[in-house]
PDB file of N, CA and C in Angstrom:
ATOM      1  N   UNK A   1     -31.658-145.726-140.652  1.00  0.00           N
ATOM      2  CA  UNK A   1     -30.235-145.326-141.036  1.00  0.00           C
ATOM      3  C   UNK A   1     -29.542-144.489-141.548  1.00  0.00           C
ATOM      4  N   UNK A   2     -28.607-143.981-140.776  1.00  0.00           N
ATOM      5  CA  UNK A   2     -27.641-142.639-140.774  1.00  0.00           C
ATOM      6  C   UNK A   2     -26.730-142.893-142.149  1.00  0.00           C
ATOM      7  N   UNK A   3     -26.221-141.720-142.797  1.00  0.00           N
ATOM      8  CA  UNK A   3     -25.262-141.963-144.032  1.00  0.00           C
ATOM      9  C   UNK A   3     -23.907-143.052-143.119  1.00  0.00           C
ATOM     10  N   UNK A   4     -23.808-142.342-141.737  1.00  0.00           N
ATOM     11  CA  UNK A   4     -22.428-142.818-141.667  1.00  0.00           C
ATOM     12  C   UNK A   4     -22.922-144.359-141.189  1.00  0.00           C
ATOM     13  N   UNK A   5     -24.071-144.540-140.688  1.00  0.00           N
ATOM     14  CA  UNK A   5     -24.003-146.303-140.420  1.00  0.00           C
ATOM     15  C   UNK A   5     -24.295-147.369-141.858  1.00  0.00           C
ATOM     16  N   UNK A   6     -24.922-146.205-142.926  1.00  0.00           N
ATOM     17  CA  UNK A   6     -24.848-147.084-144.132  1.00  0.00           C
ATOM     18  C   UNK A   6     -23.449-147.430-144.780  1.00  0.00           C
ATOM     19  N   UNK A   7     -22.676-145.495-144.651  1.00  0.00           N
ATOM     20  CA  UNK A   7     -21.025-146.663-144.877  1.00  0.00           C
ATOM     21  C   UNK A   7     -20.257-147.270-144.204  1.00  0.00           C
ATOM     22  N   UNK A   8     -20.235-147.021-143.260  1.00  0.00           N
ATOM     23  CA  UNK A   8     -19.997-148.758-141.824  1.00  0.00           C
ATOM     24  C   UNK A   8     -20.109-150.056-142.276  1.00  0.00           C
ATOM     25  N   UNK A   9     -21.458-150.016-142.962  1.00  0.00           N
ATOM     26  CA  UNK A   9     -21.999-151.084-143.352  1.00  0.00           C
ATOM     27  C   UNK A   9     -21.390-151.195-144.595  1.00  0.00           C
ATOM     28  N   UNK A  10     -20.980-150.508-145.690  1.00  0.00           N
ATOM     29  CA  UNK A  10     -20.272-150.826-146.985  1.00  0.00           C
ATOM     30  C   UNK A  10     -18.858-151.831-146.544  1.00  0.00           C
ATOM     31  N   UNK A  11     -19.279-152.885-147.736  1.00  0.00           N
ATOM     32  CA  UNK A  11     -18.329-153.667-147.944  1.00  0.00           C
ATOM     33  C   UNK A  11     -16.953-153.518-149.139  1.00  0.00           C
ATOM     34  N   UNK A  12     -15.699-153.961-148.825  1.00  0.00           N
ATOM     35  CA  UNK A  12     -14.679-153.773-149.365  1.00  0.00           C
ATOM     36  C   UNK A  12     -15.494-154.020-150.880  1.00  0.00           C
ATOM     37  N   UNK A  13     -16.185-154.627-151.412  1.00  0.00           N
ATOM     38  CA  UNK A  13     -16.538-155.111-152.634  1.00  0.00           C
ATOM     39  C   UNK A  13     -17.271-154.226-153.444  1.00  0.00           C
ATOM     40  N   UNK A  14     -18.267-153.340-152.589  1.00  0.00           N
ATOM     41  CA  UNK A  14     -19.674-152.550-152.647  1.00  0.00           C
ATOM     42  C   UNK A  14     -18.047-151.349-153.101  1.00  0.00           C
ATOM     43  N   UNK A  15     -17.760-150.593-151.910  1.00  0.00           N
ATOM     44  CA  UNK A  15     -16.766-149.849-152.180  1.00  0.00           C
ATOM     45  C   UNK A  15     -16.055-150.107-153.123  1.00  0.00           C
ATOM     46  N   UNK A  16     -15.153-150.930-154.082  1.00  0.00           N
ATOM     47  CA  UNK A  16     -14.405-150.839-154.879  1.00  0.00           C
ATOM     48  C   UNK A  16     -15.260-151.056-156.256  1.00  0.00           C
ATOM     49  N   UNK A  17     -17.319-151.177-156.534  1.00  0.00           N
ATOM     50  CA  UNK A  17     -17.514-151.045-157.451  1.00  0.00           C
ATOM     51  C   UNK A  17     -18.275-150.031-157.738  1.00  0.00           C
ATOM     52  N   UNK A  18     -17.980-148.855-156.391  1.00  0.00           N
ATOM     53  CA  UNK A  18     -18.418-147.892-156.667  1.00  0.00           C
ATOM     54  C   UNK A  18     -17.042-147.188-157.562  1.00  0.00           C
ATOM     55  N   UNK A  19     -16.150-147.486-157.161  1.00  0.00           N
ATOM     56  CA  UNK A  19     -14.761-147.000-157.420  1.00  0.00           C
ATOM     57  C   UNK A  19     -14.450-147.116-158.734  1.00  0.00           C
ATOM     58  N   UNK A  20     -15.086-148.130-159.300  1.00  0.00           N
ATOM     59  CA  UNK A  20     -14.906-148.565-160.869  1.00  0.00           C
ATOM     60  C   UNK A  20     -16.094-147.864-161.852  1.00  0.00           C
ATOM     61  N   UNK A  21     -17.080-147.361-161.179  1.00  0.00           N
ATOM     62  CA  UNK A  21     -18.317-146.895-161.479  1.00  0.00           C
ATOM     63  C   UNK A  21     -17.783-145.785-161.922  1.00  0.00           C
ATOM     64  N   UNK A  22     -17.313-145.197-160.740  1.00  0.00           N
ATOM     65  CA  UNK A  22     -17.117-143.516-160.730  1.00  0.00           C
ATOM     66  C   UNK A  22     -15.925-143.367-161.943  1.00  0.00           C
ATOM     67  N   UNK A  23     -15.239-144.369-162.158  1.00  0.00           N
ATOM     68  CA  UNK A  23     -13.998-144.186-162.750  1.00  0.00           C
ATOM     69  C   UNK A  23     -14.450-144.324-164.295  1.00  0.00           C
ATOM     70  N   UNK A  24     -15.191-145.519-164.854  1.00  0.00           N
ATOM     71  CA  UNK A  24     -15.722-145.991-165.989  1.00  0.00           C
ATOM     72  C   UNK A  24     -16.862-145.378-166.458  1.00  0.00           C
ATOM     73  N   UNK A  25     -17.861-144.914-165.305  1.00  0.00           N
ATOM     74  CA  UNK A  25     -18.985-143.929-165.983  1.00  0.00           C
ATOM     75  C   UNK A  25     -19.864-145.162-166.238  1.00  0.00           C
ATOM     76  N   UNK A  26     -19.629-146.168-165.413  1.00  0.00           N
ATOM     77  CA  UNK A  26     -21.005-147.659-165.776  1.00  0.00           C
ATOM     78  C   UNK A  26     -21.008-148.441-164.331  1.00  0.00           C
ATOM     79  N   UNK A  27     -21.752-148.632-164.434  1.00  0.00           N
ATOM     80  CA  UNK A  27     -22.365-149.826-163.408  1.00  0.00           C
ATOM     81  C   UNK A  27     -21.110-151.234-163.609  1.00  0.00           C
ATOM     82  N   UNK A  28     -21.075-151.781-162.607  1.00  0.00           N
ATOM     83  CA  UNK A  28     -21.054-153.279-163.339  1.00  0.00           C
ATOM     84  C   UNK A  28     -21.469-154.242-164.054  1.00  0.00           C
ATOM     85  N   UNK A  29     -22.615-153.744-164.519  1.00  0.00           N
ATOM     86  CA  UNK A  29     -23.370-154.430-165.280  1.00  0.00           C
ATOM     87  C   UNK A  29     -23.634-153.894-166.833  1.00  0.00           C
ATOM     88  N   UNK A  30     -23.165-152.647-166.680  1.00  0.00           N
ATOM     89  CA  UNK A  30     -22.987-151.607-168.104  1.00  0.00           C
ATOM     90  C   UNK A  30     -24.142-150.901-168.396  1.00  0.00           C
ATOM     91  N   UNK A  31     -24.860-150.753-167.348  1.00  0.00           N
ATOM     92  CA  UNK A  31     -25.660-149.199-167.294  1.00  0.00           C
ATOM     93  C   UNK A  31     -25.041-148.206-167.002  1.00  0.00           C
ATOM     94  N   UNK A  32     -25.012-147.372-167.547  1.00  0.00           N
ATOM     95  CA  UNK A  32     -24.520-145.878-167.151  1.00  0.00           C
ATOM     96  C   UNK A  32     -25.001-145.108-166.259  1.00  0.00           C
ATOM     97  N   UNK A  33     -23.754-144.276-165.353  1.00  0.00           N
ATOM     98  CA  UNK A  33     -24.062-143.561-164.125  1.00  0.00           C
ATOM     99  C   UNK A  33     -24.598-142.572-164.861  1.00  0.00           C
ATOM    100  N   UNK A  34     -25.875-141.638-164.029  1.00  0.00           N
ATOM    101  CA  UNK A  34     -26.117-140.616-164.492  1.00  0.00           C
ATOM    102  C   UNK A  34     -24.749-139.170-163.768  1.00  0.00           C
ATOM    103  N   UNK A  35     -25.165-137.925-163.755  1.00  0.00           N
ATOM    104  CA  UNK A  35     -24.033-137.265-162.447  1.00  0.00           C
ATOM    105  C   UNK A  35     -24.728-137.298-161.393  1.00  0.00           C
ATOM    106  N   UNK A  36     -26.343-137.713-160.822  1.00  0.00           N
ATOM    107  CA  UNK A  36     -26.323-137.595-159.424  1.00  0.00           C
ATOM    108  C   UNK A  36     -25.661-138.876-159.005  1.00  0.00           C
ATOM    109  N   UNK A  37     -25.922-139.579-159.657  1.00  0.00           N
ATOM    110  CA  UNK A  37     -25.379-141.143-158.963  1.00  0.00           C
ATOM    111  C   UNK A  37     -23.993-141.082-158.826  1.00  0.00           C
ATOM    112  N   UNK A  38     -22.822-140.513-159.829  1.00  0.00           N
ATOM    113  CA  UNK A  38     -21.480-140.394-160.191  1.00  0.00           C
ATOM    114  C   UNK A  38     -21.421-139.372-158.780  1.00  0.00           C
ATOM    115  N   UNK A  39     -21.653-138.155-158.435  1.00  0.00           N
ATOM    116  CA  UNK A  39     -21.647-137.573-157.581  1.00  0.00           C
ATOM    117  C   UNK A  39     -22.039-138.434-156.314  1.00  0.00           C
ATOM    118  N   UNK A  40     -22.963-138.841-155.982  1.00  0.00           N
ATOM    119  CA  UNK A  40     -23.090-139.471-154.579  1.00  0.00           C
ATOM    120  C   UNK A  40     -22.368-140.969-154.411  1.00  0.00           C
ATOM    121  N   UNK A  41     -21.765-141.583-155.671  1.00  0.00           N
ATOM    122  CA  UNK A  41     -20.899-142.401-155.264  1.00  0.00           C
ATOM    123  C   UNK A  41     -19.818-141.499-154.637  1.00  0.00           C
ATOM    124  N   UNK A  42     -18.964-140.597-155.288  1.00  0.00           N
ATOM    125  CA  UNK A  42     -18.072-140.258-155.159  1.00  0.00           C
ATOM    126  C   UNK A  42     -18.178-139.726-153.643  1.00  0.00           C
ATOM    127  N   UNK A  43     -18.991-139.070-153.247  1.00  0.00           N
ATOM    128  CA  UNK A  43     -19.331-138.862-151.716  1.00  0.00           C
ATOM    129  C   UNK A  43     -19.104-139.681-150.853  1.00  0.00           C
ATOM    130  N   UNK A  44     -20.151-141.193-151.244  1.00  0.00           N
ATOM    131  CA  UNK A  44     -19.531-142.393-150.121  1.00  0.00           C
ATOM    132  C   UNK A  44     -18.207-143.093-150.320  1.00  0.00           C
ATOM    133  N   UNK A  45     -17.759-142.872-151.557  1.00  0.00           N
ATOM    134  CA  UNK A  45     -15.805-143.383-151.236  1.00  0.00           C
ATOM    135  C   UNK A  45     -15.396-142.968-150.665  1.00  0.00           C
ATOM    136  N   UNK A  46     -15.573-141.206-150.963  1.00  0.00           N
ATOM    137  CA  UNK A  46     -14.408-140.268-149.896  1.00  0.00           C
ATOM    138  C   UNK A  46     -14.958-140.490-148.261  1.00  0.00           C
ATOM    139  N   UNK A  47     -16.278-140.695-148.015  1.00  0.00           N
ATOM    140  CA  UNK A  47     -16.697-140.846-147.035  1.00  0.00           C
ATOM    141  C   UNK A  47     -16.298-142.179-146.372  1.00  0.00           C
ATOM    142  N   UNK A  48     -15.794-143.145-147.413  1.00  0.00           N
ATOM    143  CA  UNK A  48     -15.591-144.747-146.831  1.00  0.00           C
ATOM    144  C   UNK A  48     -14.259-144.368-146.659  1.00  0.00           C
ATOM    145  N   UNK A  49     -13.331-144.116-147.303  1.00  0.00           N
ATOM    146  CA  UNK A  49     -12.173-143.879-147.369  1.00  0.00           C
ATOM    147  C   UNK A  49     -11.744-143.260-145.861  1.00  0.00           C
ATOM    148  N   UNK A  50     -12.420-141.997-145.649  1.00  0.00           N
ATOM    149  CA  UNK A  50     -11.999-141.136-144.471  1.00  0.00           C
ATOM    150  C   UNK A  50     -11.967-142.396-143.119  1.00  0.00           C
ATOM    151  N   UNK A  51     -13.465-143.111-142.885  1.00  0.00           N
ATOM    152  CA  UNK A  51     -13.720-143.795-142.195  1.00  0.00           C
ATOM    153  C   UNK A  51     -13.244-144.770-141.512  1.00  0.00           C
ATOM    154  N   UNK A  52     -12.670-145.408-142.925  1.00  0.00           N
ATOM    155  CA  UNK A  52     -10.953-146.787-142.685  1.00  0.00           C
ATOM    156  C   UNK A  52     -10.315-146.287-142.510  1.00  0.00           C
ATOM    157  N   UNK A  53      -9.934-145.442-142.559  1.00  0.00           N
ATOM    158  CA  UNK A  53      -8.267-144.516-142.429  1.00  0.00           C
ATOM    159  C   UNK A  53      -7.449-145.158-143.644  1.00  0.00           C
ATOM    160  N   UNK A  54      -8.057-144.706-144.734  1.00  0.00           N
ATOM    161  CA  UNK A  54      -7.358-145.049-145.669  1.00  0.00           C
ATOM    162  C   UNK A  54      -5.782-144.485-145.804  1.00  0.00           C
ATOM    163  N   UNK A  55      -4.547-144.694-146.497  1.00  0.00           N
ATOM    164  CA  UNK A  55      -3.742-144.100-146.595  1.00  0.00           C
ATOM    165  C   UNK A  55      -3.941-143.089-147.753  1.00  0.00           C
ATOM    166  N   UNK A  56      -3.350-141.489-147.508  1.00  0.00           N
ATOM    167  CA  UNK A  56      -3.636-140.809-148.631  1.00  0.00           C
ATOM    168  C   UNK A  56      -3.376-141.331-149.922  1.00  0.00           C
ATOM    169  N   UNK A  57      -2.474-142.345-150.142  1.00  0.00           N
ATOM    170  CA  UNK A  57      -1.414-142.623-151.778  1.00  0.00           C
ATOM    171  C   UNK A  57      -3.080-143.695-151.989  1.00  0.00           C
ATOM    172  N   UNK A  58      -3.860-144.341-151.694  1.00  0.00           N
ATOM    173  CA  UNK A  58      -4.758-145.483-151.818  1.00  0.00           C
ATOM    174  C   UNK A  58      -6.111-144.369-152.185  1.00  0.00           C
ATOM    175  N   UNK A  59      -6.272-143.413-151.630  1.00  0.00           N
ATOM    176  CA  UNK A  59      -7.882-142.592-151.610  1.00  0.00           C
ATOM    177  C   UNK A  59      -7.709-142.122-153.149  1.00  0.00           C
ATOM    178  N   UNK A  60      -9.169-141.933-153.549  1.00  0.00           N
ATOM    179  CA  UNK A  60      -9.593-141.103-154.878  1.00  0.00           C
ATOM    180  C   UNK A  60      -8.480-139.939-154.905  1.00  0.00           C
ATOM    181  N   UNK A  61      -8.665-139.470-156.243  1.00  0.00           N
ATOM    182  CA  UNK A  61      -7.546-138.151-156.315  1.00  0.00           C
ATOM    183  C   UNK A  61      -6.890-137.625-155.952  1.00  0.00           C
ATOM    184  N   UNK A  62      -5.421-139.131-155.465  1.00  0.00           N
ATOM    185  CA  UNK A  62      -4.732-139.084-154.646  1.00  0.00           C
ATOM    186  C   UNK A  62      -3.843-138.473-156.258  1.00  0.00           C
ATOM    187  N   UNK A  63      -2.553-137.636-156.242  1.00  0.00           N
ATOM    188  CA  UNK A  63      -1.895-137.546-157.341  1.00  0.00           C
ATOM    189  C   UNK A  63      -0.804-137.395-156.574  1.00  0.00           C
ATOM    190  N   UNK A  64       0.521-138.331-157.040  1.00  0.00           N
ATOM    191  CA  UNK A  64       1.740-138.120-156.477  1.00  0.00           C
ATOM    192  C   UNK A  64       2.452-136.936-156.637  1.00  0.00           C
ATOM    193  N   UNK A  65       3.274-136.263-156.177  1.00  0.00           N
ATOM    194  CA  UNK A  65       3.952-134.942-156.479  1.00  0.00           C
ATOM    195  C   UNK A  65       3.305-133.897-157.427  1.00  0.00           C
ATOM    196  N   UNK A  66       1.971-133.999-156.880  1.00  0.00           N
ATOM    197  CA  UNK A  66       1.180-133.220-157.557  1.00  0.00           C
ATOM    198  C   UNK A  66       1.300-131.467-157.325  1.00  0.00           C
ATOM    199  N   UNK A  67       1.886-131.031-156.478  1.00  0.00           N
ATOM    200  CA  UNK A  67       2.352-129.949-155.898  1.00  0.00           C
ATOM    201  C   UNK A  67       3.707-129.848-155.681  1.00  0.00           C
ATOM    202  N   UNK A  68       4.979-129.318-156.529  1.00  0.00           N
ATOM    203  CA  UNK A  68       6.140-129.737-155.906  1.00  0.00           C
ATOM    204  C   UNK A  68       6.689-128.717-155.170  1.00  0.00           C
ATOM    205  N   UNK A  69       6.055-127.689-154.942  1.00  0.00           N
ATOM    206  CA  UNK A  69       6.408-126.934-153.626  1.00  0.00           C
ATOM    207  C   UNK A  69       6.291-127.037-152.159  1.00  0.00           C
ATOM    208  N   UNK A  70       5.663-128.059-152.229  1.00  0.00           N
ATOM    209  CA  UNK A  70       4.959-128.833-150.853  1.00  0.00           C
ATOM    210  C   UNK A  70       5.732-129.580-150.148  1.00  0.00           C
ATOM    211  N   UNK A  71       5.997-129.125-148.824  1.00  0.00           N
ATOM    212  CA  UNK A  71       7.223-129.273-148.243  1.00  0.00           C
ATOM    213  C   UNK A  71       8.427-128.841-148.370  1.00  0.00           C
ATOM    214  N   UNK A  72       8.450-127.731-149.062  1.00  0.00           N
ATOM    215  CA  UNK A  72       9.606-126.603-149.220  1.00  0.00           C
ATOM    216  C   UNK A  72       9.119-125.848-147.985  1.00  0.00           C
ATOM    217  N   UNK A  73      10.309-125.040-147.624  1.00  0.00           N
ATOM    218  CA  UNK A  73      10.183-124.228-146.469  1.00  0.00           C
ATOM    219  C   UNK A  73      10.901-122.929-146.996  1.00  0.00           C
ATOM    220  N   UNK A  74      11.408-122.727-147.803  1.00  0.00           N
ATOM    221  CA  UNK A  74      12.222-121.358-148.033  1.00  0.00           C
ATOM    222  C   UNK A  74      11.810-120.817-149.244  1.00  0.00           C
ATOM    223  N   UNK A  75      12.004-119.964-149.549  1.00  0.00           N
ATOM    224  CA  UNK A  75      11.447-118.633-150.648  1.00  0.00           C
ATOM    225  C   UNK A  75      12.319-118.934-152.179  1.00  0.00           C
ATOM    226  N   UNK A  76      12.944-119.813-152.520  1.00  0.00           N
ATOM    227  CA  UNK A  76      13.544-120.307-153.470  1.00  0.00           C
ATOM    228  C   UNK A  76      13.028-119.594-154.546  1.00  0.00           C
ATOM    229  N   UNK A  77      11.298-120.166-154.752  1.00  0.00           N
ATOM    230  CA  UNK A  77      11.013-120.602-156.087  1.00  0.00           C
ATOM    231  C   UNK A  77      10.198-119.147-156.070  1.00  0.00           C
ATOM    232  N   UNK A  78      10.378-117.839-155.384  1.00  0.00           N
ATOM    233  CA  UNK A  78       9.626-116.538-155.307  1.00  0.00           C
ATOM    234  C   UNK A  78      10.075-116.185-156.330  1.00  0.00           C
ATOM    235  N   UNK A  79       9.447-115.494-157.152  1.00  0.00           N
ATOM    236  CA  UNK A  79       9.973-114.418-158.317  1.00  0.00           C
ATOM    237  C   UNK A  79       9.309-113.281-158.115  1.00  0.00           C
ATOM    238  N   UNK A  80       9.654-112.317-158.321  1.00  0.00           N
ATOM    239  CA  UNK A  80       9.311-110.808-158.128  1.00  0.00           C
ATOM    240  C   UNK A  80       8.892-110.111-159.219  1.00  0.00           C
ATOM    241  N   UNK A  81       7.578-109.679-159.207  1.00  0.00           N
ATOM    242  CA  UNK A  81       7.246-108.871-160.721  1.00  0.00           C
ATOM    243  C   UNK A  81       7.471-107.965-160.515  1.00  0.00           C
ATOM    244  N   UNK A  82       7.608-106.932-161.590  1.00  0.00           N
ATOM    245  CA  UNK A  82       7.772-105.629-161.915  1.00  0.00           C
ATOM    246  C   UNK A  82       6.917-105.064-162.708  1.00  0.00           C
ATOM    247  N   UNK A  83       6.097-104.036-162.119  1.00  0.00           N
ATOM    248  CA  UNK A  83       5.304-103.354-163.047  1.00  0.00           C
ATOM    249  C   UNK A  83       5.663-102.066-163.491  1.00  0.00           C
ATOM    250  N   UNK A  84       6.153-102.190-165.265  1.00  0.00           N
ATOM    251  CA  UNK A  84       6.454-100.792-165.890  1.00  0.00           C
ATOM    252  C   UNK A  84       5.607 -99.534-166.229  1.00  0.00           C
TER     253      UNK A  84
END
């Protein structure tokens, strides 16, 4: 089974359990995630979100208004630095 086939076979419940495990650092049964498990879960969650075309606002790591300059087309916020 390929990674893509595995991700496509994930149910929304498995996806939510992985998301929660990443956020809390523990599996639903209370066992602690190690760093390798956390990294693999994060990869699977991101891949799942891409394959299922989740809106950006619902994806892991989304930060509303994270970059205030995004969408601006002018140079209004540019400051010139003068070295003396």
